[in-house]
Amino acid sequence: MILVSEPVVGPEELANITDCLTSGWISSAGKYIDEFESSWAAYCGMKYGVAVSNGTAALEIAVTCLDLEKGSEIILPSFTIISCAQAITNQGMVPVVVDCELDTWCMDVSKIEEKITSKTKAIMPVHMYGHPVDMDPLIKLAEKYGLKIIEDAAEVHGGEYKGRKCGSMGDISTFSFYANKLITTGEGGMVLTNNSEYAERAQSLRNLCFERERRFKHNKIGFNYRMTNMQAALGVAQVKKIESIVEKKRDIADYYTQHLKFVESIQLPIEKNWAKNVYWVYGIILDSDHVETAVTLAAKLREVGIETRPFFVGMHEQPVFKDRGLFLGEHYPITEMISDRGLYIPSGLNLTVPQQDKIIRELIFILEK
């Protein structure tokens, strides 16, 4: 089976993990946590990094750090993973969604202003599948209405918007280092910010809000969202490889595009002239009039040993949110279409050219027969 994605670790990662084990620093203290936080923050052009247990935890902490009133509204794309909306509802706030763009699959920034109300307090742009959101007009809107920006950069390690690193443009930003991300700590995430107050809050929130003067005394409710030193040890080694990883992912994507751009029945990923797409995944969208659906195509590819994954299902179509009375009667046609017709094919760093050739052959054979 050719897998969608696999983590790649080497001698440096092994050496760092061994160092943790032999030194005894295996839990949530140790030199690698500080080094991972500082190196990733510096790479992204931010002052402070706070490592946490996963990307969902990073979102939860980021939303909590803003200290918004219950009932506040936060605007985000419908086309994203549920972690984004869940981080909002878990804090007693209200997610308000907009549709995405057909070409980038990122939130349609032109749809944001019409959703702003007196209760709107923040915008959560999500850089999607490796391509950045169009941030400048979004930043202008945030400035116009006095809104905070929670920048979800979980899927776009090393990506750039007009020369700026993704994850450097929000009041607070979040990353995931899950096993299928460009750099990984197995599980893990990070909050980045230039705001010292937010950084201090994030550090406290990830560790149950222990009071500094008296341990086991708490004035606020926090989370147990700590990252282990062993995870951070992986991250330290991975950060050093980020540029070569991005180059490899872009090479994989370019090879697919060069060989699939002639297939008329599918839409391929793009790269806007203001963006650096890192192609976290290589997604394709089937034309609506094609006999194959994403489900049937995935089944046929699996029969010949090729793994795929479906696109996200929009937040407005999630039963768990409808049961809470959210998004009732709302429709977002582009999100609905690409959720139904989209899937992504293998693009992991271990993928070989012969494997790509097989995927291309099988895909063309199924779609054009």
Protein backbone atom coordinates (compact mmCIF):
# COMPACT_ATOMS: atom_id res chain seq x y z
CA MET A 1 0.00 0.00 0.00
CA ILE A 2 1.29 3.46 -0.94
CA LEU A 3 0.39 5.56 2.09
CA VAL A 4 -0.88 9.14 2.01
CA SER A 5 1.87 10.33 4.34
CA GLU A 6 4.58 8.98 6.61
CA PRO A 7 6.85 10.75 9.09
CA VAL A 8 10.55 10.83 8.25
CA VAL A 9 13.04 10.66 11.09
CA GLY A 10 16.77 10.08 11.03
CA PRO A 11 19.95 9.85 13.10
CA GLU A 12 19.66 13.31 14.65
CA GLU A 13 16.14 12.64 15.92
CA LEU A 14 17.30 9.31 17.34
CA ALA A 15 20.30 10.93 19.03
CA ASN A 16 18.10 13.58 20.67
CA ILE A 17 15.59 11.00 21.92
CA THR A 18 18.43 8.86 23.29
CA ASP A 19 19.78 11.92 25.08
CA CYS A 20 16.39 12.43 26.75
CA LEU A 21 16.21 8.82 27.86
CA THR A 22 19.74 8.67 29.23
CA SER A 23 19.48 12.06 30.96
CA GLY A 24 16.11 11.27 32.51
CA TRP A 25 14.42 14.37 31.09
CA ILE A 26 11.52 12.66 29.35
CA SER A 27 8.45 14.56 30.53
CA SER A 28 7.43 18.21 30.29
CA ALA A 29 10.72 19.77 31.38
CA GLY A 30 14.12 19.74 29.72
CA LYS A 31 16.35 21.66 27.37
CA TYR A 32 14.67 20.55 24.16
CA ILE A 33 11.37 22.24 24.96
CA ASP A 34 12.97 25.67 25.25
CA GLU A 35 15.08 25.05 22.15
CA PHE A 36 12.14 23.87 20.09
CA GLU A 37 10.00 26.83 21.14
CA SER A 38 12.70 29.39 20.41
CA SER A 39 13.86 27.86 17.12
CA TRP A 40 10.36 27.50 15.65
CA ALA A 41 9.32 30.98 16.79
CA ALA A 42 12.49 32.44 15.23
CA TYR A 43 11.96 30.55 11.98
CA CYS A 44 8.42 31.91 11.73
CA GLY A 45 9.47 35.44 12.69
CA MET A 46 7.71 35.57 16.05
CA LYS A 47 9.05 36.42 19.52
CA TYR A 48 7.45 33.75 21.70
CA GLY A 49 6.69 30.08 21.25
CA VAL A 50 4.74 27.91 23.70
CA ALA A 51 4.86 24.19 22.94
CA VAL A 52 1.73 22.16 23.69
CA SER A 53 0.44 18.61 23.33
CA ASN A 54 -1.22 18.93 19.90
CA GLY A 55 -2.64 21.36 17.37
CA THR A 56 -6.14 21.23 18.84
CA ALA A 57 -4.68 22.19 22.22
CA ALA A 58 -2.88 25.09 20.56
CA LEU A 59 -6.19 26.39 19.19
CA GLU A 60 -7.92 25.99 22.56
CA ILE A 61 -5.17 27.94 24.29
CA ALA A 62 -5.02 30.62 21.58
CA VAL A 63 -8.76 31.31 21.84
CA THR A 64 -8.59 31.31 25.65
CA CYS A 65 -5.61 33.68 25.68
CA LEU A 66 -7.68 36.42 24.05
CA ASP A 67 -9.90 36.50 27.16
CA LEU A 68 -13.06 37.30 25.21
CA GLU A 69 -16.52 37.50 26.72
CA LYS A 70 -18.81 34.49 26.53
CA GLY A 71 -21.03 34.77 23.47
CA SER A 72 -18.39 36.56 21.41
CA GLU A 73 -18.36 35.65 17.73
CA ILE A 74 -15.29 34.45 15.86
CA ILE A 75 -15.36 34.23 12.06
CA LEU A 76 -13.66 31.27 10.39
CA PRO A 77 -13.97 29.20 7.21
CA SER A 78 -16.58 26.47 7.09
CA PHE A 79 -14.05 24.37 5.17
CA THR A 80 -11.65 23.35 7.90
CA ILE A 81 -11.14 20.69 10.56
CA ILE A 82 -13.51 20.61 13.50
CA SER A 83 -10.73 21.58 15.95
CA CYS A 84 -11.09 25.20 14.84
CA ALA A 85 -14.80 25.54 15.60
CA GLN A 86 -14.54 23.32 18.67
CA ALA A 87 -11.92 25.62 20.21
CA ILE A 88 -14.48 28.42 19.91
CA THR A 89 -17.54 26.59 21.25
CA ASN A 90 -15.58 25.05 24.13
CA GLN A 91 -14.93 28.56 25.44
CA GLY A 92 -18.58 29.54 25.26
CA MET A 93 -18.17 31.56 22.07
CA VAL A 94 -19.94 31.37 18.74
CA PRO A 95 -18.34 30.25 15.48
CA VAL A 96 -19.53 32.18 12.42
CA VAL A 97 -18.48 30.65 9.11
CA VAL A 98 -17.86 31.80 5.55
CA ASP A 99 -17.38 29.90 2.32
CA CYS A 100 -14.00 29.16 0.76
CA GLU A 101 -12.42 30.06 -2.58
CA LEU A 102 -12.73 27.58 -5.40
CA ASP A 103 -9.09 27.76 -6.43
CA THR A 104 -7.11 28.01 -3.15
CA TRP A 105 -9.67 26.22 -0.91
CA CYS A 106 -8.90 28.86 1.73
CA MET A 107 -11.54 31.12 3.30
CA ASP A 108 -13.02 33.69 0.94
CA VAL A 109 -11.90 36.92 2.59
CA SER A 110 -14.40 38.93 0.55
CA LYS A 111 -17.21 37.19 2.48
CA ILE A 112 -15.99 38.18 5.94
CA GLU A 113 -17.23 41.78 6.30
CA GLU A 114 -20.87 40.86 5.74
CA LYS A 115 -20.66 38.50 8.74
CA ILE A 116 -19.24 41.07 11.16
CA THR A 117 -21.62 42.15 13.96
CA SER A 118 -21.28 43.99 17.24
CA LYS A 119 -20.48 40.62 18.83
CA THR A 120 -17.61 39.82 16.46
CA LYS A 121 -14.30 39.87 18.30
CA ALA A 122 -11.89 37.85 16.18
CA ILE A 123 -11.18 36.24 12.81
CA MET A 124 -9.58 32.80 12.48
CA PRO A 125 -7.97 32.40 9.04
CA VAL A 126 -6.93 28.81 8.30
CA HIS A 127 -4.18 28.29 5.72
CA MET A 128 -5.53 25.32 3.82
CA TYR A 129 -3.65 22.20 2.67
CA GLY A 130 -0.41 24.20 2.30
CA HIS A 131 -1.73 27.34 0.57
CA PRO A 132 -1.94 30.65 2.49
CA VAL A 133 -5.06 32.73 3.02
CA ASP A 134 -5.06 36.16 1.33
CA MET A 135 -4.02 37.95 4.52
CA ASP A 136 -3.65 41.65 3.64
CA PRO A 137 -7.35 42.40 3.12
CA LEU A 138 -8.16 40.27 6.16
CA ILE A 139 -5.69 42.25 8.29
CA LYS A 140 -7.23 45.51 7.04
CA LEU A 141 -10.68 44.29 8.08
CA ALA A 142 -9.39 43.32 11.50
CA GLU A 143 -7.85 46.77 11.94
CA LYS A 144 -11.00 48.51 10.70
CA TYR A 145 -13.27 46.72 13.19
CA GLY A 146 -10.79 46.23 16.05
CA LEU A 147 -10.72 42.45 15.74
CA LYS A 148 -8.08 39.98 16.86
CA ILE A 149 -6.56 37.47 14.43
CA ILE A 150 -6.05 33.84 15.43
CA GLU A 151 -3.92 32.46 12.59
CA ASP A 152 -4.18 28.69 12.15
CA ALA A 153 -0.98 27.66 10.36
CA ALA A 154 -1.20 23.95 11.21
CA GLU A 155 -1.10 22.87 7.56
CA VAL A 156 1.41 25.31 6.14
CA HIS A 157 4.81 24.91 7.81
CA GLY A 158 7.25 27.06 5.87
CA GLY A 159 4.57 28.58 3.66
CA GLU A 160 4.74 32.26 2.81
CA TYR A 161 2.40 35.12 2.03
CA LYS A 162 4.10 37.95 0.11
CA GLY A 163 7.42 36.93 1.63
CA ARG A 164 6.09 36.67 5.19
CA LYS A 165 6.07 33.31 6.92
CA CYS A 166 2.65 31.89 7.65
CA GLY A 167 2.10 31.98 11.39
CA SER A 168 3.68 35.44 11.69
CA MET A 169 0.69 37.61 10.77
CA GLY A 170 -1.81 37.06 13.57
CA ASP A 171 -2.09 38.38 17.10
CA ILE A 172 -1.61 34.75 17.99
CA SER A 173 -0.97 31.75 15.74
CA THR A 174 -1.11 27.99 16.06
CA PHE A 175 0.70 24.98 14.62
CA SER A 176 0.26 21.22 14.68
CA PHE A 177 3.15 18.77 14.62
CA TYR A 178 1.10 15.62 14.10
CA ALA A 179 2.81 12.73 12.32
CA ASN A 180 1.52 13.75 8.88
CA LYS A 181 2.66 17.38 9.08
CA LEU A 182 5.76 18.72 7.30
CA ILE A 183 7.69 18.59 10.54
CA THR A 184 6.50 16.33 13.33
CA THR A 185 6.83 15.54 17.00
CA GLY A 186 4.47 12.56 16.68
CA GLU A 187 1.79 14.53 18.46
CA GLY A 188 2.34 18.14 19.42
CA GLY A 189 1.56 21.74 18.66
CA MET A 190 2.68 25.28 19.37
CA VAL A 191 1.26 28.73 20.02
CA LEU A 192 3.24 31.69 18.64
CA THR A 193 2.80 35.37 19.46
CA ASN A 194 4.63 38.67 19.72
CA ASN A 195 2.50 39.62 22.72
CA SER A 196 4.30 38.89 26.01
CA GLU A 197 0.99 38.84 27.93
CA TYR A 198 -0.46 36.21 25.61
CA ALA A 199 2.73 34.16 25.87
CA GLU A 200 2.59 34.23 29.66
CA ARG A 201 -1.08 33.23 29.62
CA ALA A 202 -0.37 30.37 27.22
CA GLN A 203 2.45 29.07 29.41
CA SER A 204 0.14 29.09 32.40
CA LEU A 205 -2.87 27.64 30.60
CA ARG A 206 -0.96 24.63 29.25
CA ASN A 207 0.08 23.72 32.81
CA LEU A 208 -3.22 23.85 34.74
CA CYS A 209 -2.68 27.50 35.72
CA PHE A 210 -0.51 26.68 38.72
CA GLU A 211 0.17 29.82 40.73
CA ARG A 212 3.84 30.80 40.79
CA GLU A 213 3.88 31.64 44.49
CA ARG A 214 2.13 28.47 45.66
CA ARG A 215 1.97 25.27 43.62
CA PHE A 216 -1.41 23.50 43.62
CA LYS A 217 -3.16 26.83 44.12
CA HIS A 218 -5.22 28.03 41.17
CA ASN A 219 -7.02 31.28 40.42
CA LYS A 220 -7.98 30.23 36.89
CA ILE A 221 -8.95 27.03 35.12
CA GLY A 222 -6.26 25.75 32.77
CA PHE A 223 -5.45 22.64 30.76
CA ASN A 224 -2.99 19.78 30.95
CA TYR A 225 -1.63 20.44 27.46
CA ARG A 226 2.09 20.10 28.04
CA MET A 227 4.53 18.80 25.42
CA THR A 228 7.12 16.27 26.54
CA ASN A 229 10.86 16.83 26.26
CA MET A 230 11.07 13.76 24.01
CA GLN A 231 8.56 15.23 21.58
CA ALA A 232 10.43 18.52 21.60
CA ALA A 233 13.68 16.63 20.97
CA LEU A 234 12.16 15.35 17.73
CA GLY A 235 11.02 18.85 16.89
CA VAL A 236 14.46 20.39 17.40
CA ALA A 237 15.93 18.01 14.82
CA GLN A 238 13.01 18.48 12.45
CA VAL A 239 13.18 22.29 12.43
CA LYS A 240 16.73 22.06 11.09
CA LYS A 241 15.36 20.18 8.07
CA ILE A 242 12.37 22.39 7.31
CA GLU A 243 13.71 24.01 4.14
CA SER A 244 14.71 20.68 2.56
CA ILE A 245 11.33 19.24 3.57
CA VAL A 246 9.48 22.12 1.91
CA GLU A 247 11.60 21.71 -1.22
CA LYS A 248 10.82 17.99 -1.36
CA LYS A 249 7.08 18.59 -0.95
CA ARG A 250 7.12 21.18 -3.70
CA ASP A 251 9.02 18.80 -5.98
CA ILE A 252 6.44 16.07 -5.38
CA ALA A 253 3.61 18.48 -6.13
CA ASP A 254 5.32 19.79 -9.28
CA TYR A 255 5.78 16.24 -10.60
CA TYR A 256 2.10 15.47 -10.07
CA THR A 257 1.01 18.72 -11.69
CA GLN A 258 3.21 18.26 -14.74
CA HIS A 259 1.73 14.80 -15.36
CA LEU A 260 -1.88 15.45 -14.37
CA LYS A 261 -2.54 18.93 -15.77
CA PHE A 262 -3.81 17.42 -19.01
CA VAL A 263 -6.57 15.45 -17.24
CA GLU A 264 -9.64 17.58 -17.89
CA SER A 265 -11.89 15.97 -15.28
CA ILE A 266 -9.96 17.09 -12.20
CA GLN A 267 -8.94 20.35 -10.57
CA LEU A 268 -5.39 20.47 -9.19
CA PRO A 269 -3.85 22.62 -6.43
CA ILE A 270 -2.64 26.06 -7.42
CA GLU A 271 -0.15 28.62 -6.18
CA LYS A 272 -1.16 32.28 -6.28
CA ASN A 273 1.58 34.69 -7.38
CA TRP A 274 1.69 36.14 -3.85
CA ALA A 275 1.98 32.76 -2.17
CA LYS A 276 4.45 30.00 -1.46
CA ASN A 277 2.42 26.81 -1.32
CA VAL A 278 4.12 24.01 0.63
CA TYR A 279 1.59 21.41 -0.61
CA TRP A 280 1.08 19.76 2.78
CA VAL A 281 -1.23 17.44 0.86
CA TYR A 282 -1.85 17.12 -2.85
CA GLY A 283 -5.58 17.45 -3.32
CA ILE A 284 -7.67 16.90 -6.43
CA ILE A 285 -11.30 17.75 -7.08
CA LEU A 286 -13.42 15.76 -9.52
CA ASP A 287 -15.64 17.61 -11.96
CA SER A 288 -19.26 17.47 -10.86
CA ASP A 289 -20.36 15.76 -14.06
CA HIS A 290 -17.79 12.95 -13.88
CA VAL A 291 -19.15 9.47 -13.29
CA GLU A 292 -16.69 8.92 -10.46
CA THR A 293 -17.20 10.43 -7.03
CA ALA A 294 -14.53 10.96 -4.41
CA VAL A 295 -15.82 7.86 -2.65
CA THR A 296 -15.78 5.59 -5.70
CA LEU A 297 -12.41 6.92 -6.86
CA ALA A 298 -10.91 6.31 -3.42
CA ALA A 299 -12.25 2.75 -3.42
CA LYS A 300 -10.80 1.98 -6.85
CA LEU A 301 -7.41 3.43 -5.94
CA ARG A 302 -7.37 1.41 -2.74
CA GLU A 303 -7.97 -1.76 -4.78
CA VAL A 304 -4.65 -1.13 -6.55
CA GLY A 305 -2.77 -0.33 -3.36
CA ILE A 306 -3.06 3.47 -3.24
CA GLU A 307 -4.30 5.15 -0.06
CA THR A 308 -6.26 8.42 -0.19
CA ARG A 309 -8.07 10.73 2.23
CA PRO A 310 -11.29 12.71 1.68
CA PHE A 311 -11.49 16.48 1.99
CA PHE A 312 -12.88 18.05 5.16
CA VAL A 313 -16.63 18.23 5.70
CA GLY A 314 -17.79 21.82 6.24
CA MET A 315 -18.53 23.02 9.77
CA HIS A 316 -22.05 24.01 8.72
CA GLU A 317 -22.76 20.38 7.81
CA GLN A 318 -21.50 18.87 11.07
CA PRO A 319 -24.32 17.11 12.95
CA VAL A 320 -22.77 17.94 16.32
CA PHE A 321 -23.10 21.67 15.62
CA LYS A 322 -26.58 21.41 14.09
CA ASP A 323 -27.67 19.61 17.27
CA ARG A 324 -26.53 22.74 19.14
CA GLY A 325 -28.56 25.01 16.89
CA LEU A 326 -25.60 26.33 14.91
CA PHE A 327 -25.57 27.02 11.16
CA LEU A 328 -29.21 25.99 10.71
CA GLY A 329 -30.34 26.62 7.12
CA GLU A 330 -26.89 27.84 6.09
CA HIS A 331 -25.38 26.69 2.79
CA TYR A 332 -21.91 27.30 1.40
CA PRO A 333 -21.83 25.90 -2.13
CA ILE A 334 -18.08 25.80 -2.72
CA THR A 335 -17.38 24.12 0.62
CA GLU A 336 -20.15 21.61 -0.07
CA MET A 337 -18.87 20.85 -3.56
CA ILE A 338 -15.21 20.36 -2.71
CA SER A 339 -16.09 18.38 0.42
CA ASP A 340 -18.09 16.03 -1.76
CA ARG A 341 -15.77 15.88 -4.78
CA GLY A 342 -12.30 16.27 -3.25
CA LEU A 343 -9.66 13.87 -2.00
CA TYR A 344 -5.91 13.86 -1.67
CA ILE A 345 -3.41 11.34 -2.93
CA PRO A 346 -0.07 10.18 -1.44
CA SER A 347 2.53 12.93 -1.10
CA GLY A 348 4.59 11.87 1.92
CA LEU A 349 8.31 12.57 2.06
CA ASN A 350 9.12 8.88 1.55
CA LEU A 351 7.25 8.80 -1.76
CA THR A 352 9.42 7.67 -4.67
CA VAL A 353 9.18 8.66 -8.32
CA PRO A 354 8.20 5.09 -9.35
CA GLN A 355 5.40 5.23 -6.78
CA GLN A 356 4.25 8.58 -8.12
CA ASP A 357 4.30 7.15 -11.64
CA LYS A 358 2.06 4.28 -10.51
CA ILE A 359 -0.37 6.69 -8.84
CA ILE A 360 -0.50 8.87 -11.95
CA ARG A 361 -1.05 5.88 -14.24
CA GLU A 362 -3.81 4.40 -12.12
CA LEU A 363 -5.52 7.74 -11.64
CA ILE A 364 -5.54 8.51 -15.37
CA PHE A 365 -6.70 4.98 -16.19
CA ILE A 366 -9.69 5.25 -13.84
CA LEU A 367 -10.68 8.77 -14.84
CA GLU A 368 -10.29 8.46 -18.60
CA LYS A 369 -11.56 4.97 -19.34
